[in-house]
Each structure stands twice: as C-alpha cells, then as structure tokens.
Amino acid sequence: MSLAYTADAWTEAIVALSIFGPVAVAIVITIVVLRGKKNDPDEQRMRADQRAYEERKRAETARKD
C-alpha cells in the first residue's frame, strides 16, 4: 500500500478524512438517537393508543358482520 509516501498523498488522506469523518460521525449519532426513540415514554404511549384504536376498529368491524 503506497498511501502517504508523498506530501500529495498526505493531503489526499487528510481531505478524505475531513470529508468522510463527519459523515461517519453523523451516521453514528443518527443511529444512537433513533434507537433511543424506542424507549421514549411519548413513543410508547402513542404505540399503546394506536393498538387500542386498532382493537376498537376490529371490534366494530366484527360487530357489523
């Protein structure tokens, strides 16, 4: 591997890290934040309300049939 044998190669490596480094950090932060969403009390309440609504709709549909 001939990376960084010359000053130009070092410059290319630094530029590549400055471009792809922040992107990688942003991806990691996004994954951490979105995984934490599962434990959010508001999110859990919304899911419970959604389940209750779907059960009511199913019960109403079953009564009509």
N, C-alpha and C. Protein backbone atom coordinates (compact mmCIF):
# COMPACT_ATOMS: atom_id res chain seq x y z
N MET A 1 0.85 -1.18 0.00
CA MET A 1 0.00 0.00 0.00
C MET A 1 0.90 1.23 0.00
N SER A 2 0.65 2.12 -0.89
CA SER A 2 1.54 3.28 -1.04
C SER A 2 0.89 4.57 -0.57
N LEU A 3 0.03 4.49 0.42
CA LEU A 3 -0.62 5.68 0.93
C LEU A 3 0.37 6.53 1.70
N ALA A 4 0.39 7.79 1.43
CA ALA A 4 1.17 8.78 2.17
C ALA A 4 2.67 8.66 1.99
N TYR A 5 3.11 8.26 0.81
CA TYR A 5 4.54 8.27 0.52
C TYR A 5 5.00 9.67 0.12
N THR A 6 4.07 10.48 -0.34
CA THR A 6 4.41 11.85 -0.74
C THR A 6 3.51 12.83 0.00
N ALA A 7 3.85 14.10 -0.11
CA ALA A 7 3.04 15.14 0.52
C ALA A 7 1.64 15.17 -0.09
N ASP A 8 1.54 14.90 -1.38
CA ASP A 8 0.23 14.89 -2.03
C ASP A 8 -0.65 13.79 -1.46
N ALA A 9 -0.06 12.66 -1.16
CA ALA A 9 -0.83 11.55 -0.60
C ALA A 9 -1.32 11.92 0.81
N TRP A 10 -0.46 12.58 1.59
CA TRP A 10 -0.91 13.02 2.92
C TRP A 10 -2.06 14.00 2.79
N THR A 11 -1.96 14.90 1.84
CA THR A 11 -3.03 15.88 1.63
C THR A 11 -4.32 15.17 1.25
N GLU A 12 -4.22 14.19 0.37
CA GLU A 12 -5.41 13.44 -0.03
C GLU A 12 -6.01 12.69 1.15
N ALA A 13 -5.18 12.12 2.00
CA ALA A 13 -5.68 11.39 3.16
C ALA A 13 -6.38 12.34 4.13
N ILE A 14 -5.81 13.49 4.36
CA ILE A 14 -6.42 14.47 5.27
C ILE A 14 -7.73 14.98 4.70
N VAL A 15 -7.76 15.27 3.42
CA VAL A 15 -9.00 15.74 2.78
C VAL A 15 -10.07 14.64 2.85
N ALA A 16 -9.68 13.41 2.58
CA ALA A 16 -10.65 12.30 2.64
C ALA A 16 -11.22 12.15 4.05
N LEU A 17 -10.36 12.24 5.06
CA LEU A 17 -10.84 12.15 6.44
C LEU A 17 -11.74 13.32 6.81
N SER A 18 -11.42 14.50 6.30
CA SER A 18 -12.24 15.66 6.64
C SER A 18 -13.60 15.60 5.95
N ILE A 19 -13.69 14.85 4.87
CA ILE A 19 -14.98 14.70 4.18
C ILE A 19 -15.77 13.55 4.79
N PHE A 20 -15.16 12.39 4.91
CA PHE A 20 -15.88 11.20 5.33
C PHE A 20 -15.99 11.05 6.84
N GLY A 21 -15.10 11.67 7.59
CA GLY A 21 -15.16 11.61 9.05
C GLY A 21 -16.46 12.18 9.61
N PRO A 22 -16.82 13.41 9.27
CA PRO A 22 -18.08 13.97 9.78
C PRO A 22 -19.32 13.19 9.32
N VAL A 23 -19.26 12.64 8.13
CA VAL A 23 -20.39 11.84 7.65
C VAL A 23 -20.54 10.59 8.51
N ALA A 24 -19.44 9.94 8.81
CA ALA A 24 -19.49 8.74 9.66
C ALA A 24 -19.99 9.09 11.06
N VAL A 25 -19.53 10.20 11.61
CA VAL A 25 -19.98 10.62 12.94
C VAL A 25 -21.48 10.92 12.92
N ALA A 26 -21.96 11.59 11.88
CA ALA A 26 -23.39 11.90 11.77
C ALA A 26 -24.22 10.62 11.68
N ILE A 27 -23.73 9.63 10.97
CA ILE A 27 -24.46 8.36 10.86
C ILE A 27 -24.54 7.68 12.23
N VAL A 28 -23.44 7.67 12.95
CA VAL A 28 -23.43 7.04 14.28
C VAL A 28 -24.39 7.77 15.22
N ILE A 29 -24.36 9.09 15.22
CA ILE A 29 -25.25 9.87 16.08
C ILE A 29 -26.71 9.59 15.71
N THR A 30 -27.01 9.53 14.43
CA THR A 30 -28.37 9.25 13.98
C THR A 30 -28.85 7.89 14.47
N ILE A 31 -28.01 6.89 14.37
CA ILE A 31 -28.38 5.54 14.82
C ILE A 31 -28.64 5.54 16.32
N VAL A 32 -27.77 6.18 17.09
CA VAL A 32 -27.94 6.22 18.54
C VAL A 32 -29.24 6.93 18.92
N VAL A 33 -29.53 8.05 18.28
CA VAL A 33 -30.73 8.82 18.60
C VAL A 33 -31.98 8.03 18.22
N LEU A 34 -31.99 7.41 17.05
CA LEU A 34 -33.18 6.68 16.62
C LEU A 34 -33.41 5.43 17.44
N ARG A 35 -32.36 4.79 17.91
CA ARG A 35 -32.54 3.62 18.78
C ARG A 35 -33.10 4.04 20.13
N GLY A 36 -32.73 5.21 20.61
CA GLY A 36 -33.25 5.71 21.88
C GLY A 36 -34.73 6.05 21.79
N LYS A 37 -35.23 6.25 20.59
CA LYS A 37 -36.63 6.59 20.38
C LYS A 37 -37.55 5.48 20.89
N LYS A 38 -37.10 4.23 20.84
CA LYS A 38 -37.91 3.10 21.28
C LYS A 38 -38.25 3.20 22.77
N ASN A 39 -37.38 3.80 23.55
CA ASN A 39 -37.58 3.88 24.99
C ASN A 39 -38.23 5.19 25.42
N ASP A 40 -38.62 6.00 24.47
CA ASP A 40 -39.24 7.29 24.76
C ASP A 40 -40.66 7.07 25.30
N PRO A 41 -41.01 7.65 26.46
CA PRO A 41 -42.35 7.45 27.03
C PRO A 41 -43.46 7.92 26.09
N ASP A 42 -43.25 9.03 25.40
CA ASP A 42 -44.27 9.51 24.46
C ASP A 42 -44.48 8.52 23.31
N GLU A 43 -43.39 7.96 22.84
CA GLU A 43 -43.47 6.97 21.76
C GLU A 43 -44.22 5.73 22.24
N GLN A 44 -43.95 5.27 23.45
CA GLN A 44 -44.64 4.10 24.00
C GLN A 44 -46.13 4.38 24.18
N ARG A 45 -46.45 5.58 24.64
CA ARG A 45 -47.86 5.96 24.82
C ARG A 45 -48.58 6.00 23.48
N MET A 46 -47.92 6.55 22.45
CA MET A 46 -48.52 6.61 21.13
C MET A 46 -48.78 5.20 20.58
N ARG A 47 -47.82 4.30 20.78
CA ARG A 47 -48.00 2.92 20.30
C ARG A 47 -49.15 2.24 21.02
N ALA A 48 -49.27 2.46 22.32
CA ALA A 48 -50.37 1.87 23.09
C ALA A 48 -51.71 2.41 22.60
N ASP A 49 -51.78 3.72 22.37
CA ASP A 49 -53.01 4.32 21.85
C ASP A 49 -53.35 3.77 20.47
N GLN A 50 -52.33 3.59 19.64
CA GLN A 50 -52.55 3.05 18.30
C GLN A 50 -53.08 1.62 18.38
N ARG A 51 -52.52 0.81 19.27
CA ARG A 51 -53.01 -0.57 19.45
C ARG A 51 -54.46 -0.58 19.92
N ALA A 52 -54.79 0.29 20.88
CA ALA A 52 -56.16 0.36 21.39
C ALA A 52 -57.12 0.79 20.29
N TYR A 53 -56.72 1.75 19.49
CA TYR A 53 -57.56 2.20 18.37
C TYR A 53 -57.80 1.07 17.37
N GLU A 54 -56.74 0.34 17.04
CA GLU A 54 -56.89 -0.76 16.08
C GLU A 54 -57.79 -1.86 16.65
N GLU A 55 -57.69 -2.12 17.95
CA GLU A 55 -58.56 -3.12 18.57
C GLU A 55 -60.02 -2.68 18.54
N ARG A 56 -60.28 -1.40 18.82
CA ARG A 56 -61.65 -0.88 18.75
C ARG A 56 -62.21 -1.00 17.34
N LYS A 57 -61.38 -0.65 16.35
CA LYS A 57 -61.83 -0.75 14.95
C LYS A 57 -62.15 -2.20 14.59
N ARG A 58 -61.30 -3.14 15.03
CA ARG A 58 -61.53 -4.56 14.75
C ARG A 58 -62.82 -5.03 15.40
N ALA A 59 -63.07 -4.57 16.64
CA ALA A 59 -64.28 -4.97 17.36
C ALA A 59 -65.51 -4.41 16.66
N GLU A 60 -65.45 -3.16 16.19
CA GLU A 60 -66.58 -2.56 15.48
C GLU A 60 -66.85 -3.30 14.18
N THR A 61 -65.80 -3.66 13.47
CA THR A 61 -65.95 -4.37 12.21
C THR A 61 -66.55 -5.76 12.45
N ALA A 62 -66.14 -6.41 13.53
CA ALA A 62 -66.66 -7.75 13.85
C ALA A 62 -68.15 -7.66 14.22
N ARG A 63 -68.56 -6.59 14.90
CA ARG A 63 -69.98 -6.43 15.27
C ARG A 63 -70.85 -6.21 14.04
N LYS A 64 -70.33 -5.48 13.05
CA LYS A 64 -71.10 -5.20 11.84
C LYS A 64 -71.33 -6.45 11.02
N ASP A 65 -70.41 -7.39 11.08
CA ASP A 65 -70.51 -8.61 10.26
C ASP A 65 -71.47 -9.58 10.81
